[in-house]
């Protein structure tokens, strides 16, 4: 199985989310909105010379889950050597 290489957290309030993750975890953000075609901020989660992954905050595309609904949280991307051979 491939290594986890990217994550996306779907958010309703981008500025609130950037402030939260920035303050709590020390993440910094790069605006990739033009590339993504929507509000999308790359999350740099640490020093590139240390183990770990980076990800992004993206604008939620549908209503958030209602109270007591199952989890509706984030997407993870795995790296693979050869997708067609899987």
PDB file of N, CA and C in Angstrom:
ATOM      1  N   UNK A   1       0.846  -1.181   0.000  1.00  0.00           N
ATOM      2  CA  UNK A   1       0.000   0.000   0.000  1.00  0.00           C
ATOM      3  C   UNK A   1       0.886   1.237   0.000  1.00  0.00           C
ATOM      4  N   UNK A   2       0.431   2.262  -0.673  1.00  0.00           N
ATOM      5  CA  UNK A   2       1.191   3.498  -0.764  1.00  0.00           C
ATOM      6  C   UNK A   2       1.170   4.313   0.506  1.00  0.00           C
ATOM      7  N   UNK A   3       2.048   5.274   0.557  1.00  0.00           N
ATOM      8  CA  UNK A   3       2.164   6.185   1.688  1.00  0.00           C
ATOM      9  C   UNK A   3       1.127   7.294   1.555  1.00  0.00           C
ATOM     10  N   UNK A   4       0.571   7.707   2.661  1.00  0.00           N
ATOM     11  CA  UNK A   4      -0.336   8.849   2.676  1.00  0.00           C
ATOM     12  C   UNK A   4       0.456  10.079   2.267  1.00  0.00           C
ATOM     13  N   UNK A   5       0.029  10.770   1.206  1.00  0.00           N
ATOM     14  CA  UNK A   5       0.802  11.884   0.676  1.00  0.00           C
ATOM     15  C   UNK A   5       0.082  13.226   0.730  1.00  0.00           C
ATOM     16  N   UNK A   6      -1.216  13.239   0.977  1.00  0.00           N
ATOM     17  CA  UNK A   6      -1.962  14.500   0.986  1.00  0.00           C
ATOM     18  C   UNK A   6      -3.286  14.273   1.686  1.00  0.00           C
ATOM     19  N   UNK A   7      -3.788  15.313   2.360  1.00  0.00           N
ATOM     20  CA  UNK A   7      -5.120  15.251   2.957  1.00  0.00           C
ATOM     21  C   UNK A   7      -5.868  16.534   2.628  1.00  0.00           C
ATOM     22  N   UNK A   8      -7.199  16.465   2.681  1.00  0.00           N
ATOM     23  CA  UNK A   8      -8.046  17.638   2.515  1.00  0.00           C
ATOM     24  C   UNK A   8      -9.057  17.669   3.646  1.00  0.00           C
ATOM     25  N   UNK A   9      -9.196  18.830   4.271  1.00  0.00           N
ATOM     26  CA  UNK A   9     -10.207  19.035   5.304  1.00  0.00           C
ATOM     27  C   UNK A   9     -11.237  20.004   4.731  1.00  0.00           C
ATOM     28  N   UNK A  10     -12.489  19.592   4.697  1.00  0.00           N
ATOM     29  CA  UNK A  10     -13.561  20.407   4.151  1.00  0.00           C
ATOM     30  C   UNK A  10     -14.074  21.338   5.257  1.00  0.00           C
ATOM     31  N   UNK A  11     -14.110  22.640   4.964  1.00  0.00           N
ATOM     32  CA  UNK A  11     -14.455  23.623   5.990  1.00  0.00           C
ATOM     33  C   UNK A  11     -15.551  24.559   5.496  1.00  0.00           C
ATOM     34  N   UNK A  12     -16.339  25.081   6.438  1.00  0.00           N
ATOM     35  CA  UNK A  12     -17.375  26.066   6.131  1.00  0.00           C
ATOM     36  C   UNK A  12     -16.815  27.485   6.159  1.00  0.00           C
ATOM     37  N   UNK A  13     -15.954  27.769   7.106  1.00  0.00           N
ATOM     38  CA  UNK A  13     -15.407  29.110   7.300  1.00  0.00           C
ATOM     39  C   UNK A  13     -13.889  29.023   7.169  1.00  0.00           C
ATOM     40  N   UNK A  14     -13.377  29.400   6.001  1.00  0.00           N
ATOM     41  CA  UNK A  14     -11.955  29.234   5.696  1.00  0.00           C
ATOM     42  C   UNK A  14     -11.062  30.000   6.671  1.00  0.00           C
ATOM     43  N   UNK A  15     -11.382  31.239   6.947  1.00  0.00           N
ATOM     44  CA  UNK A  15     -10.529  32.042   7.831  1.00  0.00           C
ATOM     45  C   UNK A  15     -10.502  31.468   9.244  1.00  0.00           C
ATOM     46  N   UNK A  16     -11.663  31.046   9.726  1.00  0.00           N
ATOM     47  CA  UNK A  16     -11.727  30.434  11.058  1.00  0.00           C
ATOM     48  C   UNK A  16     -10.880  29.158  11.098  1.00  0.00           C
ATOM     49  N   UNK A  17     -10.978  28.331  10.054  1.00  0.00           N
ATOM     50  CA  UNK A  17     -10.209  27.086  10.005  1.00  0.00           C
ATOM     51  C   UNK A  17      -8.709  27.366   9.917  1.00  0.00           C
ATOM     52  N   UNK A  18      -8.308  28.311   9.084  1.00  0.00           N
ATOM     53  CA  UNK A  18      -6.891  28.655   8.971  1.00  0.00           C
ATOM     54  C   UNK A  18      -6.358  29.156  10.314  1.00  0.00           C
ATOM     55  N   UNK A  19      -7.131  29.991  10.985  1.00  0.00           N
ATOM     56  CA  UNK A  19      -6.707  30.479  12.305  1.00  0.00           C
ATOM     57  C   UNK A  19      -6.593  29.338  13.301  1.00  0.00           C
ATOM     58  N   UNK A  20      -7.581  28.448  13.327  1.00  0.00           N
ATOM     59  CA  UNK A  20      -7.573  27.333  14.267  1.00  0.00           C
ATOM     60  C   UNK A  20      -6.360  26.428  14.051  1.00  0.00           C
ATOM     61  N   UNK A  21      -6.186  25.902  12.833  1.00  0.00           N
ATOM     62  CA  UNK A  21      -5.089  24.974  12.570  1.00  0.00           C
ATOM     63  C   UNK A  21      -3.728  25.661  12.678  1.00  0.00           C
ATOM     64  N   UNK A  22      -3.699  26.935  12.323  1.00  0.00           N
ATOM     65  CA  UNK A  22      -2.454  27.680  12.461  1.00  0.00           C
ATOM     66  C   UNK A  22      -2.054  27.863  13.922  1.00  0.00           C
ATOM     67  N   UNK A  23      -3.021  28.236  14.759  1.00  0.00           N
ATOM     68  CA  UNK A  23      -2.729  28.469  16.176  1.00  0.00           C
ATOM     69  C   UNK A  23      -2.484  27.165  16.934  1.00  0.00           C
ATOM     70  N   UNK A  24      -3.318  26.164  16.698  1.00  0.00           N
ATOM     71  CA  UNK A  24      -3.227  24.915  17.465  1.00  0.00           C
ATOM     72  C   UNK A  24      -2.024  24.068  17.037  1.00  0.00           C
ATOM     73  N   UNK A  25      -1.790  23.939  15.720  1.00  0.00           N
ATOM     74  CA  UNK A  25      -0.755  23.039  15.217  1.00  0.00           C
ATOM     75  C   UNK A  25       0.445  23.745  14.598  1.00  0.00           C
ATOM     76  N   UNK A  26       0.366  25.067  14.442  1.00  0.00           N
ATOM     77  CA  UNK A  26       1.473  25.800  13.847  1.00  0.00           C
ATOM     78  C   UNK A  26       1.556  25.660  12.333  1.00  0.00           C
ATOM     79  N   UNK A  27       0.469  25.226  11.671  1.00  0.00           N
ATOM     80  CA  UNK A  27       0.473  25.093  10.219  1.00  0.00           C
ATOM     81  C   UNK A  27       0.482  26.466   9.576  1.00  0.00           C
ATOM     82  N   UNK A  28       1.060  26.549   8.377  1.00  0.00           N
ATOM     83  CA  UNK A  28       0.944  27.772   7.585  1.00  0.00           C
ATOM     84  C   UNK A  28       0.246  27.409   6.285  1.00  0.00           C
ATOM     85  N   UNK A  29      -0.304  28.408   5.619  1.00  0.00           N
ATOM     86  CA  UNK A  29      -1.160  28.147   4.467  1.00  0.00           C
ATOM     87  C   UNK A  29      -0.720  28.927   3.235  1.00  0.00           C
ATOM     88  N   UNK A  30      -0.858  28.281   2.073  1.00  0.00           N
ATOM     89  CA  UNK A  30      -0.557  28.884   0.782  1.00  0.00           C
ATOM     90  C   UNK A  30      -1.840  28.867  -0.038  1.00  0.00           C
ATOM     91  N   UNK A  31      -2.175  29.992  -0.661  1.00  0.00           N
ATOM     92  CA  UNK A  31      -3.409  30.102  -1.433  1.00  0.00           C
ATOM     93  C   UNK A  31      -3.254  29.402  -2.779  1.00  0.00           C
ATOM     94  N   UNK A  32      -3.945  28.276  -2.938  1.00  0.00           N
ATOM     95  CA  UNK A  32      -3.943  27.513  -4.184  1.00  0.00           C
ATOM     96  C   UNK A  32      -5.307  27.612  -4.869  1.00  0.00           C
ATOM     97  N   UNK A  33      -6.095  28.633  -4.516  1.00  0.00           N
ATOM     98  CA  UNK A  33      -7.468  28.763  -5.015  1.00  0.00           C
ATOM     99  C   UNK A  33      -7.531  28.870  -6.531  1.00  0.00           C
ATOM    100  N   UNK A  34      -6.617  29.616  -7.133  1.00  0.00           N
ATOM    101  CA  UNK A  34      -6.640  29.778  -8.591  1.00  0.00           C
ATOM    102  C   UNK A  34      -6.437  28.426  -9.284  1.00  0.00           C
ATOM    103  N   UNK A  35      -5.515  27.645  -8.770  1.00  0.00           N
ATOM    104  CA  UNK A  35      -5.243  26.314  -9.325  1.00  0.00           C
ATOM    105  C   UNK A  35      -6.457  25.393  -9.160  1.00  0.00           C
ATOM    106  N   UNK A  36      -7.092  25.440  -7.978  1.00  0.00           N
ATOM    107  CA  UNK A  36      -8.193  24.523  -7.665  1.00  0.00           C
ATOM    108  C   UNK A  36      -9.539  24.988  -8.218  1.00  0.00           C
ATOM    109  N   UNK A  37      -9.670  26.279  -8.518  1.00  0.00           N
ATOM    110  CA  UNK A  37     -10.941  26.796  -9.001  1.00  0.00           C
ATOM    111  C   UNK A  37     -11.976  26.961  -7.912  1.00  0.00           C
ATOM    112  N   UNK A  38     -11.545  27.040  -6.666  1.00  0.00           N
ATOM    113  CA  UNK A  38     -12.421  27.213  -5.501  1.00  0.00           C
ATOM    114  C   UNK A  38     -11.542  27.666  -4.341  1.00  0.00           C
ATOM    115  N   UNK A  39     -12.123  28.128  -3.236  1.00  0.00           N
ATOM    116  CA  UNK A  39     -11.298  28.449  -2.069  1.00  0.00           C
ATOM    117  C   UNK A  39     -10.556  27.196  -1.598  1.00  0.00           C
ATOM    118  N   UNK A  40      -9.217  27.224  -1.713  1.00  0.00           N
ATOM    119  CA  UNK A  40      -8.390  26.041  -1.439  1.00  0.00           C
ATOM    120  C   UNK A  40      -7.032  26.524  -0.954  1.00  0.00           C
ATOM    121  N   UNK A  41      -6.673  26.171   0.268  1.00  0.00           N
ATOM    122  CA  UNK A  41      -5.422  26.637   0.870  1.00  0.00           C
ATOM    123  C   UNK A  41      -4.562  25.452   1.260  1.00  0.00           C
ATOM    124  N   UNK A  42      -3.386  25.359   0.641  1.00  0.00           N
ATOM    125  CA  UNK A  42      -2.439  24.319   0.968  1.00  0.00           C
ATOM    126  C   UNK A  42      -1.959  24.474   2.400  1.00  0.00           C
ATOM    127  N   UNK A  43      -1.941  23.388   3.146  1.00  0.00           N
ATOM    128  CA  UNK A  43      -1.502  23.377   4.542  1.00  0.00           C
ATOM    129  C   UNK A  43      -0.090  22.810   4.614  1.00  0.00           C
ATOM    130  N   UNK A  44       0.840  23.655   5.008  1.00  0.00           N
ATOM    131  CA  UNK A  44       2.216  23.212   5.230  1.00  0.00           C
ATOM    132  C   UNK A  44       2.294  22.872   6.711  1.00  0.00           C
ATOM    133  N   UNK A  45       2.414  21.577   7.014  1.00  0.00           N
ATOM    134  CA  UNK A  45       2.248  21.105   8.392  1.00  0.00           C
ATOM    135  C   UNK A  45       3.544  20.972   9.179  1.00  0.00           C
ATOM    136  N   UNK A  46       4.680  21.202   8.531  1.00  0.00           N
ATOM    137  CA  UNK A  46       5.947  21.090   9.256  1.00  0.00           C
ATOM    138  C   UNK A  46       7.130  21.239   8.334  1.00  0.00           C
ATOM    139  N   UNK A  47       8.288  21.011   8.882  1.00  0.00           N
ATOM    140  CA  UNK A  47       9.548  21.102   8.146  1.00  0.00           C
ATOM    141  C   UNK A  47       9.622  19.985   7.111  1.00  0.00           C
ATOM    142  N   UNK A  48       9.946  20.324   5.871  1.00  0.00           N
ATOM    143  CA  UNK A  48       9.989  19.307   4.812  1.00  0.00           C
ATOM    144  C   UNK A  48      11.081  18.271   5.024  1.00  0.00           C
ATOM    145  N   UNK A  49      12.007  18.521   5.924  1.00  0.00           N
ATOM    146  CA  UNK A  49      13.075  17.554   6.212  1.00  0.00           C
ATOM    147  C   UNK A  49      12.698  16.572   7.311  1.00  0.00           C
ATOM    148  N   UNK A  50      11.484  16.698   7.852  1.00  0.00           N
ATOM    149  CA  UNK A  50      11.002  15.797   8.897  1.00  0.00           C
ATOM    150  C   UNK A  50       9.866  14.941   8.330  1.00  0.00           C
ATOM    151  N   UNK A  51       9.650  13.741   8.873  1.00  0.00           N
ATOM    152  CA  UNK A  51       8.547  12.897   8.395  1.00  0.00           C
ATOM    153  C   UNK A  51       7.202  13.589   8.599  1.00  0.00           C
ATOM    154  N   UNK A  52       6.294  13.359   7.688  1.00  0.00           N
ATOM    155  CA  UNK A  52       4.954  13.924   7.797  1.00  0.00           C
ATOM    156  C   UNK A  52       4.367  14.204   6.431  1.00  0.00           C
ATOM    157  N   UNK A  53       3.140  14.701   6.417  1.00  0.00           N
ATOM    158  CA  UNK A  53       2.470  15.030   5.162  1.00  0.00           C
ATOM    159  C   UNK A  53       1.898  16.435   5.233  1.00  0.00           C
ATOM    160  N   UNK A  54       1.717  17.030   4.082  1.00  0.00           N
ATOM    161  CA  UNK A  54       1.016  18.304   3.957  1.00  0.00           C
ATOM    162  C   UNK A  54      -0.367  18.021   3.407  1.00  0.00           C
ATOM    163  N   UNK A  55      -1.212  19.016   3.416  1.00  0.00           N
ATOM    164  CA  UNK A  55      -2.566  18.836   2.918  1.00  0.00           C
ATOM    165  C   UNK A  55      -3.178  20.142   2.505  1.00  0.00           C
ATOM    166  N   UNK A  56      -4.489  20.271   2.710  1.00  0.00           N
ATOM    167  CA  UNK A  56      -5.176  21.489   2.304  1.00  0.00           C
ATOM    168  C   UNK A  56      -6.484  21.638   3.060  1.00  0.00           C
ATOM    169  N   UNK A  57      -6.928  22.883   3.126  1.00  0.00           N
ATOM    170  CA  UNK A  57      -8.279  23.207   3.564  1.00  0.00           C
ATOM    171  C   UNK A  57      -9.040  23.584   2.306  1.00  0.00           C
ATOM    172  N   UNK A  58     -10.214  23.018   2.129  1.00  0.00           N
ATOM    173  CA  UNK A  58     -11.019  23.383   0.964  1.00  0.00           C
ATOM    174  C   UNK A  58     -12.425  23.741   1.400  1.00  0.00           C
ATOM    175  N   UNK A  59     -13.063  24.632   0.647  1.00  0.00           N
ATOM    176  CA  UNK A  59     -14.424  25.059   0.948  1.00  0.00           C
ATOM    177  C   UNK A  59     -15.368  23.873   0.810  1.00  0.00           C
ATOM    178  N   UNK A  60     -16.158  23.642   1.853  1.00  0.00           N
ATOM    179  CA  UNK A  60     -17.144  22.547   1.829  1.00  0.00           C
ATOM    180  C   UNK A  60     -18.096  22.753   0.658  1.00  0.00           C
ATOM    181  N   UNK A  61     -18.369  21.694  -0.109  1.00  0.00           N
ATOM    182  CA  UNK A  61     -19.181  21.773  -1.314  1.00  0.00           C
ATOM    183  C   UNK A  61     -20.658  21.433  -1.100  1.00  0.00           C
ATOM    184  N   UNK A  62     -21.029  21.060   0.109  1.00  0.00           N
ATOM    185  CA  UNK A  62     -22.419  20.741   0.415  1.00  0.00           C
ATOM    186  C   UNK A  62     -22.653  21.069   1.890  1.00  0.00           C
ATOM    187  N   UNK A  63     -23.892  20.993   2.347  1.00  0.00           N
ATOM    188  CA  UNK A  63     -24.149  21.306   3.757  1.00  0.00           C
ATOM    189  C   UNK A  63     -23.374  20.376   4.692  1.00  0.00           C
ATOM    190  N   UNK A  64     -22.979  20.880   5.852  1.00  0.00           N
ATOM    191  CA  UNK A  64     -22.299  20.011   6.829  1.00  0.00           C
ATOM    192  C   UNK A  64     -23.279  18.975   7.367  1.00  0.00           C
ATOM    193  N   UNK A  65     -22.769  17.899   7.961  1.00  0.00           N
ATOM    194  CA  UNK A  65     -23.674  16.897   8.526  1.00  0.00           C
ATOM    195  C   UNK A  65     -24.504  17.502   9.652  1.00  0.00           C
ATOM    196  N   UNK A  66     -25.719  17.011   9.775  1.00  0.00           N
ATOM    197  CA  UNK A  66     -26.573  17.470  10.864  1.00  0.00           C
ATOM    198  C   UNK A  66     -26.172  16.764  12.149  1.00  0.00           C
ATOM    199  N   UNK A  67     -26.643  17.269  13.258  1.00  0.00           N
ATOM    200  CA  UNK A  67     -26.344  16.712  14.572  1.00  0.00           C
ATOM    201  C   UNK A  67     -26.619  15.208  14.596  1.00  0.00           C
ATOM    202  N   UNK A  68     -25.670  14.449  15.112  1.00  0.00           N
ATOM    203  CA  UNK A  68     -25.739  12.989  15.259  1.00  0.00           C
ATOM    204  C   UNK A  68     -25.661  12.214  13.947  1.00  0.00           C
ATOM    205  N   UNK A  69     -25.298  12.866  12.847  1.00  0.00           N
ATOM    206  CA  UNK A  69     -25.062  12.140  11.605  1.00  0.00           C
ATOM    207  C   UNK A  69     -23.665  11.548  11.630  1.00  0.00           C
ATOM    208  N   UNK A  70     -23.393  10.547  10.761  1.00  0.00           N
ATOM    209  CA  UNK A  70     -22.054   9.983  10.693  1.00  0.00           C
ATOM    210  C   UNK A  70     -21.017  11.039  10.309  1.00  0.00           C
ATOM    211  N   UNK A  71     -19.789  10.734  10.587  1.00  0.00           N
ATOM    212  CA  UNK A  71     -18.677  11.624  10.306  1.00  0.00           C
ATOM    213  C   UNK A  71     -18.638  12.042   8.844  1.00  0.00           C
ATOM    214  N   UNK A  72     -18.362  13.313   8.603  1.00  0.00           N
ATOM    215  CA  UNK A  72     -18.220  13.884   7.265  1.00  0.00           C
ATOM    216  C   UNK A  72     -17.031  14.815   7.364  1.00  0.00           C
ATOM    217  N   UNK A  73     -15.807  14.300   7.133  1.00  0.00           N
ATOM    218  CA  UNK A  73     -14.663  15.071   7.555  1.00  0.00           C
ATOM    219  C   UNK A  73     -13.634  15.389   6.487  1.00  0.00           C
ATOM    220  N   UNK A  74     -12.826  14.426   6.060  1.00  0.00           N
ATOM    221  CA  UNK A  74     -11.695  14.755   5.202  1.00  0.00           C
ATOM    222  C   UNK A  74     -11.411  13.633   4.211  1.00  0.00           C
ATOM    223  N   UNK A  75     -10.610  13.975   3.196  1.00  0.00           N
ATOM    224  CA  UNK A  75     -10.183  12.991   2.198  1.00  0.00           C
ATOM    225  C   UNK A  75      -8.678  12.811   2.308  1.00  0.00           C
ATOM    226  N   UNK A  76      -8.207  11.599   2.095  1.00  0.00           N
ATOM    227  CA  UNK A  76      -6.768  11.312   2.106  1.00  0.00           C
ATOM    228  C   UNK A  76      -6.368  10.745   0.747  1.00  0.00           C
ATOM    229  N   UNK A  77      -5.185  11.094   0.289  1.00  0.00           N
ATOM    230  CA  UNK A  77      -4.642  10.602  -0.973  1.00  0.00           C
ATOM    231  C   UNK A  77      -3.417   9.763  -0.692  1.00  0.00           C
ATOM    232  N   UNK A  78      -3.350   8.582  -1.301  1.00  0.00           N
ATOM    233  CA  UNK A  78      -2.213   7.693  -1.130  1.00  0.00           C
ATOM    234  C   UNK A  78      -1.381   7.682  -2.402  1.00  0.00           C
ATOM    235  N   UNK A  79      -0.065   7.652  -2.232  1.00  0.00           N
ATOM    236  CA  UNK A  79       0.837   7.539  -3.368  1.00  0.00           C
ATOM    237  C   UNK A  79       1.053   6.080  -3.705  1.00  0.00           C
ATOM    238  N   UNK A  80       1.070   5.744  -4.993  1.00  0.00           N
ATOM    239  CA  UNK A  80       1.316   4.380  -5.442  1.00  0.00           C
ATOM    240  C   UNK A  80       2.335   4.377  -6.580  1.00  0.00           C
ATOM    241  N   UNK A  81       3.046   3.284  -6.718  1.00  0.00           N
ATOM    242  CA  UNK A  81       4.044   3.142  -7.778  1.00  0.00           C
ATOM    243  C   UNK A  81       3.403   3.130  -9.160  1.00  0.00           C
ATOM    244  N   UNK A  82       2.356   2.287  -9.324  1.00  0.00           N
ATOM    245  CA  UNK A  82       1.740   2.106 -10.629  1.00  0.00           C
ATOM    246  C   UNK A  82       0.255   1.862 -10.427  1.00  0.00           C
ATOM    247  N   UNK A  83      -0.549   2.886 -10.617  1.00  0.00           N
ATOM    248  CA  UNK A  83      -1.987   2.811 -10.385  1.00  0.00           C
ATOM    249  C   UNK A  83      -2.646   1.722 -11.234  1.00  0.00           C
ATOM    250  N   UNK A  84      -2.231   1.606 -12.481  1.00  0.00           N
ATOM    251  CA  UNK A  84      -2.848   0.645 -13.392  1.00  0.00           C
ATOM    252  C   UNK A  84      -2.630  -0.805 -13.000  1.00  0.00           C
ATOM    253  N   UNK A  85      -1.613  -1.084 -12.206  1.00  0.00           N
ATOM    254  CA  UNK A  85      -1.345  -2.466 -11.815  1.00  0.00           C
ATOM    255  C   UNK A  85      -2.137  -2.877 -10.573  1.00  0.00           C
ATOM    256  N   UNK A  86      -2.839  -1.966  -9.965  1.00  0.00           N
ATOM    257  CA  UNK A  86      -3.602  -2.282  -8.742  1.00  0.00           C
ATOM    258  C   UNK A  86      -4.936  -2.894  -9.092  1.00  0.00           C
TER     259      UNK A  86
END
